[in-house]
Amino acid sequence: MEDRKIILASSSDRRKDLLTRLGINFTAMPSNIDERGYDKESPSEYVKQISLDKAAKVAGFVEDALIIAADTIVVYNEKILGKPKNENDAFDMIKFLNNTNHKVYTGLAIISADDKMHYIDYDMTEVYMRKIDDDEIERYIKTGEPMDKAGSYGIQGKGGIFVEKILGSYFTVMGLPIHKLSLALKSFSVDII
């Protein structure tokens, strides 16, 4: 892999873990953008635009680096679900997704800070949830796991016990479509393998 400075525009432990597993040396620098005001977009445009804005904000602070950014949302019945505001919101989201199939969209943006070349795309995975009773939802919320996750569940943690099957990429549901990331990085002369 070319020795190029890579910055992850995120504080997500899941995204950091995935980049580490791929052997990518990077620095995390959260963008802290205000994500309000994007909700009129289609789900795919929503995650693409937020991802691009996250990467662009961090690109404004650095030189000669690749900035990777992503954004994940859950969509059911055309309603976009982000991270819960509190435990009651988390309960309502999980109850809403209970015994349904919904879509998880993750946007991916990469910006080269030196020449402003950029890549933007998204991936979508369909998730099928089993029936979950209220007691299970309450006990799951008490673990704290849902509080920083789109749709109030983490497929890679205890929330995975609610998922019957997926159609698409597991990593997209986790928050970083690594199959698209690896191909995109090649266009910036970074080969993961």
C-alpha atoms as a PDB file:
ATOM      1  CA  MET A   1       0.000   0.000   0.000  1.00  0.00           C
ATOM      2  CA  GLU A   2       1.312   3.437  -0.924  1.00  0.00           C
ATOM      3  CA  ASP A   3       2.432   5.408   2.114  1.00  0.00           C
ATOM      4  CA  ARG A   4      -0.034   8.260   1.825  1.00  0.00           C
ATOM      5  CA  LYS A   5      -1.531  10.135   4.751  1.00  0.00           C
ATOM      6  CA  ILE A   6      -5.128   9.014   5.265  1.00  0.00           C
ATOM      7  CA  ILE A   7      -7.622  10.719   7.547  1.00  0.00           C
ATOM      8  CA  LEU A   8     -10.926   9.225   8.639  1.00  0.00           C
ATOM      9  CA  ALA A   9     -13.419  12.069   9.084  1.00  0.00           C
ATOM     10  CA  SER A  10     -15.243  10.238  11.858  1.00  0.00           C
ATOM     11  CA  SER A  11     -15.187   9.359  15.531  1.00  0.00           C
ATOM     12  CA  SER A  12     -17.014   6.052  14.861  1.00  0.00           C
ATOM     13  CA  ASP A  13     -15.325   3.150  16.614  1.00  0.00           C
ATOM     14  CA  ARG A  14     -16.815   0.795  14.017  1.00  0.00           C
ATOM     15  CA  ARG A  15     -15.293   2.665  11.086  1.00  0.00           C
ATOM     16  CA  LYS A  16     -11.940   2.945  12.888  1.00  0.00           C
ATOM     17  CA  ASP A  17     -12.003  -0.801  13.561  1.00  0.00           C
ATOM     18  CA  LEU A  18     -12.766  -1.636   9.919  1.00  0.00           C
ATOM     19  CA  LEU A  19      -9.924   0.536   8.595  1.00  0.00           C
ATOM     20  CA  THR A  20      -7.560  -0.996  11.155  1.00  0.00           C
ATOM     21  CA  ARG A  21      -8.623  -4.516  10.133  1.00  0.00           C
ATOM     22  CA  LEU A  22      -7.864  -3.616   6.519  1.00  0.00           C
ATOM     23  CA  GLY A  23      -4.346  -2.585   7.515  1.00  0.00           C
ATOM     24  CA  ILE A  24      -4.863   1.075   6.648  1.00  0.00           C
ATOM     25  CA  ASN A  25      -2.755   3.532   8.642  1.00  0.00           C
ATOM     26  CA  PHE A  26      -4.938   6.543   9.362  1.00  0.00           C
ATOM     27  CA  THR A  27      -5.667   9.379  11.739  1.00  0.00           C
ATOM     28  CA  ALA A  28      -9.223  10.012  12.945  1.00  0.00           C
ATOM     29  CA  MET A  29     -10.444  13.598  12.749  1.00  0.00           C
ATOM     30  CA  PRO A  30     -14.213  13.977  13.298  1.00  0.00           C
ATOM     31  CA  SER A  31     -15.857  16.595  11.089  1.00  0.00           C
ATOM     32  CA  ASN A  32     -18.556  17.538  13.618  1.00  0.00           C
ATOM     33  CA  ILE A  33     -20.810  18.883  10.860  1.00  0.00           C
ATOM     34  CA  ASP A  34     -24.406  19.829  11.585  1.00  0.00           C
ATOM     35  CA  GLU A  35     -26.464  17.097   9.921  1.00  0.00           C
ATOM     36  CA  ARG A  36     -29.768  18.963  10.173  1.00  0.00           C
ATOM     37  CA  GLY A  37     -31.303  20.286   6.986  1.00  0.00           C
ATOM     38  CA  TYR A  38     -30.509  17.302   4.778  1.00  0.00           C
ATOM     39  CA  ASP A  39     -33.786  15.468   5.426  1.00  0.00           C
ATOM     40  CA  LYS A  40     -35.532  16.597   2.222  1.00  0.00           C
ATOM     41  CA  GLU A  41     -33.125  14.542   0.115  1.00  0.00           C
ATOM     42  CA  SER A  42     -33.638  10.987  -1.143  1.00  0.00           C
ATOM     43  CA  PRO A  43     -31.856   8.461   1.124  1.00  0.00           C
ATOM     44  CA  SER A  44     -29.022   7.885  -1.350  1.00  0.00           C
ATOM     45  CA  GLU A  45     -28.475  11.609  -1.966  1.00  0.00           C
ATOM     46  CA  TYR A  46     -28.761  12.282   1.773  1.00  0.00           C
ATOM     47  CA  VAL A  47     -25.901   9.949   2.752  1.00  0.00           C
ATOM     48  CA  LYS A  48     -23.768  10.953  -0.229  1.00  0.00           C
ATOM     49  CA  GLN A  49     -24.081  14.670   0.508  1.00  0.00           C
ATOM     50  CA  ILE A  50     -23.403  14.322   4.238  1.00  0.00           C
ATOM     51  CA  SER A  51     -20.398  12.086   3.525  1.00  0.00           C
ATOM     52  CA  LEU A  52     -19.029  14.589   1.020  1.00  0.00           C
ATOM     53  CA  ASP A  53     -19.597  17.512   3.397  1.00  0.00           C
ATOM     54  CA  LYS A  54     -17.835  15.652   6.231  1.00  0.00           C
ATOM     55  CA  ALA A  55     -14.828  14.935   4.004  1.00  0.00           C
ATOM     56  CA  ALA A  56     -14.768  18.489   2.608  1.00  0.00           C
ATOM     57  CA  LYS A  57     -14.803  20.061   6.060  1.00  0.00           C
ATOM     58  CA  VAL A  58     -11.816  17.999   7.219  1.00  0.00           C
ATOM     59  CA  ALA A  59     -10.050  18.594   3.866  1.00  0.00           C
ATOM     60  CA  GLY A  60     -10.158  22.312   4.659  1.00  0.00           C
ATOM     61  CA  PHE A  61      -7.874  21.747   7.660  1.00  0.00           C
ATOM     62  CA  VAL A  62      -5.203  19.518   6.115  1.00  0.00           C
ATOM     63  CA  GLU A  63      -2.830  19.305   3.166  1.00  0.00           C
ATOM     64  CA  ASP A  64      -1.586  16.359   1.165  1.00  0.00           C
ATOM     65  CA  ALA A  65      -3.928  13.726   2.631  1.00  0.00           C
ATOM     66  CA  LEU A  66      -6.818  11.521   1.583  1.00  0.00           C
ATOM     67  CA  ILE A  67      -9.932  12.088   3.646  1.00  0.00           C
ATOM     68  CA  ILE A  68     -12.438   9.244   3.977  1.00  0.00           C
ATOM     69  CA  ALA A  69     -15.931   9.985   5.263  1.00  0.00           C
ATOM     70  CA  ALA A  70     -19.127   7.976   5.561  1.00  0.00           C
ATOM     71  CA  ASP A  71     -22.667   8.391   6.812  1.00  0.00           C
ATOM     72  CA  THR A  72     -25.233   5.715   7.612  1.00  0.00           C
ATOM     73  CA  ILE A  73     -29.005   5.884   7.917  1.00  0.00           C
ATOM     74  CA  VAL A  74     -31.833   3.405   8.294  1.00  0.00           C
ATOM     75  CA  VAL A  75     -34.928   3.843   6.126  1.00  0.00           C
ATOM     76  CA  TYR A  76     -38.309   2.233   6.712  1.00  0.00           C
ATOM     77  CA  ASN A  77     -41.578   3.296   5.071  1.00  0.00           C
ATOM     78  CA  GLU A  78     -39.678   6.223   3.515  1.00  0.00           C
ATOM     79  CA  LYS A  79     -38.812   7.543   6.985  1.00  0.00           C
ATOM     80  CA  ILE A  80     -35.120   8.236   7.603  1.00  0.00           C
ATOM     81  CA  LEU A  81     -33.858   7.098  10.997  1.00  0.00           C
ATOM     82  CA  GLY A  82     -30.578   8.476  12.268  1.00  0.00           C
ATOM     83  CA  LYS A  83     -29.126   8.114  15.761  1.00  0.00           C
ATOM     84  CA  PRO A  84     -31.584   8.230  18.665  1.00  0.00           C
ATOM     85  CA  LYS A  85     -31.886  11.439  20.690  1.00  0.00           C
ATOM     86  CA  ASN A  86     -32.510   9.547  23.944  1.00  0.00           C
ATOM     87  CA  GLU A  87     -33.658   6.162  25.294  1.00  0.00           C
ATOM     88  CA  ASN A  88     -37.324   6.825  24.491  1.00  0.00           C
ATOM     89  CA  ASP A  89     -36.397   7.651  20.901  1.00  0.00           C
ATOM     90  CA  ALA A  90     -34.302   4.461  20.726  1.00  0.00           C
ATOM     91  CA  PHE A  91     -37.253   2.419  21.995  1.00  0.00           C
ATOM     92  CA  ASP A  92     -39.587   3.977  19.418  1.00  0.00           C
ATOM     93  CA  MET A  93     -37.124   3.311  16.577  1.00  0.00           C
ATOM     94  CA  ILE A  94     -36.591  -0.343  17.459  1.00  0.00           C
ATOM     95  CA  LYS A  95     -40.348  -0.806  17.953  1.00  0.00           C
ATOM     96  CA  PHE A  96     -40.873   0.810  14.522  1.00  0.00           C
ATOM     97  CA  LEU A  97     -38.389  -1.636  12.905  1.00  0.00           C
ATOM     98  CA  ASN A  98     -39.681  -4.639  14.868  1.00  0.00           C
ATOM     99  CA  ASN A  99     -40.654  -7.584  12.618  1.00  0.00           C
ATOM    100  CA  THR A 100     -39.975  -5.635   9.383  1.00  0.00           C
ATOM    101  CA  ASN A 101     -37.479  -5.398   6.607  1.00  0.00           C
ATOM    102  CA  HIS A 102     -35.825  -2.026   6.166  1.00  0.00           C
ATOM    103  CA  LYS A 103     -32.961  -0.517   4.203  1.00  0.00           C
ATOM    104  CA  VAL A 104     -29.604   0.701   5.467  1.00  0.00           C
ATOM    105  CA  TYR A 105     -27.832   3.282   3.314  1.00  0.00           C
ATOM    106  CA  THR A 106     -24.197   4.214   3.798  1.00  0.00           C
ATOM    107  CA  GLY A 107     -22.637   7.032   1.841  1.00  0.00           C
ATOM    108  CA  LEU A 108     -18.908   7.055   1.124  1.00  0.00           C
ATOM    109  CA  ALA A 109     -16.783  10.038   0.126  1.00  0.00           C
ATOM    110  CA  ILE A 110     -13.050  10.383  -0.414  1.00  0.00           C
ATOM    111  CA  ILE A 111     -11.341  13.709  -1.061  1.00  0.00           C
ATOM    112  CA  SER A 112      -7.705  14.304  -1.930  1.00  0.00           C
ATOM    113  CA  ALA A 113      -6.889  17.479   0.012  1.00  0.00           C
ATOM    114  CA  ASP A 114      -4.038  18.481  -2.297  1.00  0.00           C
ATOM    115  CA  ASP A 115      -5.816  18.387  -5.684  1.00  0.00           C
ATOM    116  CA  LYS A 116      -9.465  18.241  -4.507  1.00  0.00           C
ATOM    117  CA  MET A 117     -10.075  15.122  -6.610  1.00  0.00           C
ATOM    118  CA  HIS A 118     -12.985  13.307  -5.038  1.00  0.00           C
ATOM    119  CA  TYR A 119     -15.052  10.139  -5.101  1.00  0.00           C
ATOM    120  CA  ILE A 120     -18.622   9.824  -3.871  1.00  0.00           C
ATOM    121  CA  ASP A 121     -20.973   6.844  -3.825  1.00  0.00           C
ATOM    122  CA  TYR A 122     -23.330   4.920  -1.569  1.00  0.00           C
ATOM    123  CA  ASP A 123     -24.372   1.358  -0.870  1.00  0.00           C
ATOM    124  CA  MET A 124     -27.669  -0.069   0.333  1.00  0.00           C
ATOM    125  CA  THR A 125     -28.414  -3.292   2.229  1.00  0.00           C
ATOM    126  CA  GLU A 126     -31.817  -4.663   3.137  1.00  0.00           C
ATOM    127  CA  VAL A 127     -32.137  -5.897   6.733  1.00  0.00           C
ATOM    128  CA  TYR A 128     -34.832  -8.280   8.002  1.00  0.00           C
ATOM    129  CA  MET A 129     -35.631  -7.969  11.718  1.00  0.00           C
ATOM    130  CA  ARG A 130     -37.336 -10.683  13.737  1.00  0.00           C
ATOM    131  CA  LYS A 131     -40.192 -10.022  16.130  1.00  0.00           C
ATOM    132  CA  ILE A 132     -38.843  -8.361  19.287  1.00  0.00           C
ATOM    133  CA  ASP A 133     -40.873  -7.981  22.477  1.00  0.00           C
ATOM    134  CA  ASP A 134     -40.893  -4.760  24.520  1.00  0.00           C
ATOM    135  CA  ASP A 135     -38.896  -6.306  27.369  1.00  0.00           C
ATOM    136  CA  GLU A 136     -36.074  -7.275  24.969  1.00  0.00           C
ATOM    137  CA  ILE A 137     -36.051  -3.757  23.524  1.00  0.00           C
ATOM    138  CA  GLU A 138     -35.839  -2.183  26.992  1.00  0.00           C
ATOM    139  CA  ARG A 139     -33.060  -4.516  28.114  1.00  0.00           C
ATOM    140  CA  TYR A 140     -31.141  -3.886  24.886  1.00  0.00           C
ATOM    141  CA  ILE A 141     -31.391  -0.120  25.368  1.00  0.00           C
ATOM    142  CA  LYS A 142     -30.027  -0.498  28.918  1.00  0.00           C
ATOM    143  CA  THR A 143     -26.804  -1.926  27.409  1.00  0.00           C
ATOM    144  CA  GLY A 144     -26.172   1.527  25.898  1.00  0.00           C
ATOM    145  CA  GLU A 145     -25.313   0.000  22.531  1.00  0.00           C
ATOM    146  CA  PRO A 146     -28.140   1.619  20.507  1.00  0.00           C
ATOM    147  CA  MET A 147     -27.400   5.192  21.542  1.00  0.00           C
ATOM    148  CA  ASP A 148     -24.860   6.055  18.823  1.00  0.00           C
ATOM    149  CA  LYS A 149     -26.265   3.921  16.020  1.00  0.00           C
ATOM    150  CA  ALA A 150     -28.535   4.781  13.097  1.00  0.00           C
ATOM    151  CA  GLY A 151     -31.844   3.020  13.656  1.00  0.00           C
ATOM    152  CA  SER A 152     -30.851   2.356  17.290  1.00  0.00           C
ATOM    153  CA  TYR A 153     -29.189  -1.020  16.747  1.00  0.00           C
ATOM    154  CA  GLY A 154     -25.734  -2.343  15.979  1.00  0.00           C
ATOM    155  CA  ILE A 155     -25.615  -5.422  13.758  1.00  0.00           C
ATOM    156  CA  GLN A 156     -22.028  -6.137  14.886  1.00  0.00           C
ATOM    157  CA  GLY A 157     -23.019  -6.209  18.587  1.00  0.00           C
ATOM    158  CA  LYS A 158     -25.928  -7.418  20.673  1.00  0.00           C
ATOM    159  CA  GLY A 159     -28.329  -5.838  18.159  1.00  0.00           C
ATOM    160  CA  GLY A 160     -27.308  -8.553  15.721  1.00  0.00           C
ATOM    161  CA  ILE A 161     -29.526 -11.017  17.624  1.00  0.00           C
ATOM    162  CA  PHE A 162     -32.555  -9.191  16.182  1.00  0.00           C
ATOM    163  CA  VAL A 163     -31.431  -9.581  12.556  1.00  0.00           C
ATOM    164  CA  GLU A 164     -32.762 -12.648  10.722  1.00  0.00           C
ATOM    165  CA  LYS A 165     -31.015 -11.990   7.406  1.00  0.00           C
ATOM    166  CA  ILE A 166     -29.594  -9.309   5.160  1.00  0.00           C
ATOM    167  CA  LEU A 167     -29.533  -8.805   1.409  1.00  0.00           C
ATOM    168  CA  GLY A 168     -26.365  -6.894   0.640  1.00  0.00           C
ATOM    169  CA  SER A 169     -23.183  -6.000   2.483  1.00  0.00           C
ATOM    170  CA  TYR A 170     -22.827  -6.590   6.211  1.00  0.00           C
ATOM    171  CA  PHE A 171     -20.170  -3.846   6.292  1.00  0.00           C
ATOM    172  CA  THR A 172     -22.600  -1.331   4.790  1.00  0.00           C
ATOM    173  CA  VAL A 173     -24.872  -1.953   7.781  1.00  0.00           C
ATOM    174  CA  MET A 174     -21.840  -1.543  10.060  1.00  0.00           C
ATOM    175  CA  GLY A 175     -21.192   1.852   8.508  1.00  0.00           C
ATOM    176  CA  LEU A 176     -18.480   1.445   5.871  1.00  0.00           C
ATOM    177  CA  PRO A 177     -18.959  -0.426   2.562  1.00  0.00           C
ATOM    178  CA  ILE A 178     -15.417  -1.784   2.366  1.00  0.00           C
ATOM    179  CA  HIS A 179     -15.924  -3.380  -1.049  1.00  0.00           C
ATOM    180  CA  LYS A 180     -16.571   0.084  -2.519  1.00  0.00           C
ATOM    181  CA  LEU A 181     -13.889   1.691  -0.357  1.00  0.00           C
ATOM    182  CA  SER A 182     -11.159  -0.643  -1.663  1.00  0.00           C
ATOM    183  CA  LEU A 183     -12.056   0.050  -5.303  1.00  0.00           C
ATOM    184  CA  ALA A 184     -12.322   3.799  -4.678  1.00  0.00           C
ATOM    185  CA  LEU A 185      -8.927   3.930  -2.960  1.00  0.00           C
ATOM    186  CA  LYS A 186      -7.337   2.335  -6.049  1.00  0.00           C
ATOM    187  CA  SER A 187      -8.367   5.415  -8.043  1.00  0.00           C
ATOM    188  CA  PHE A 188      -6.231   7.409  -5.579  1.00  0.00           C
ATOM    189  CA  SER A 189      -3.295   4.973  -6.035  1.00  0.00           C
ATOM    190  CA  VAL A 190      -3.870   3.269  -2.690  1.00  0.00           C
ATOM    191  CA  ASP A 191      -4.142  -0.514  -2.906  1.00  0.00           C
ATOM    192  CA  ILE A 192      -5.310  -2.270   0.282  1.00  0.00           C
ATOM    193  CA  ILE A 193      -3.835  -5.587  -0.825  1.00  0.00           C
END
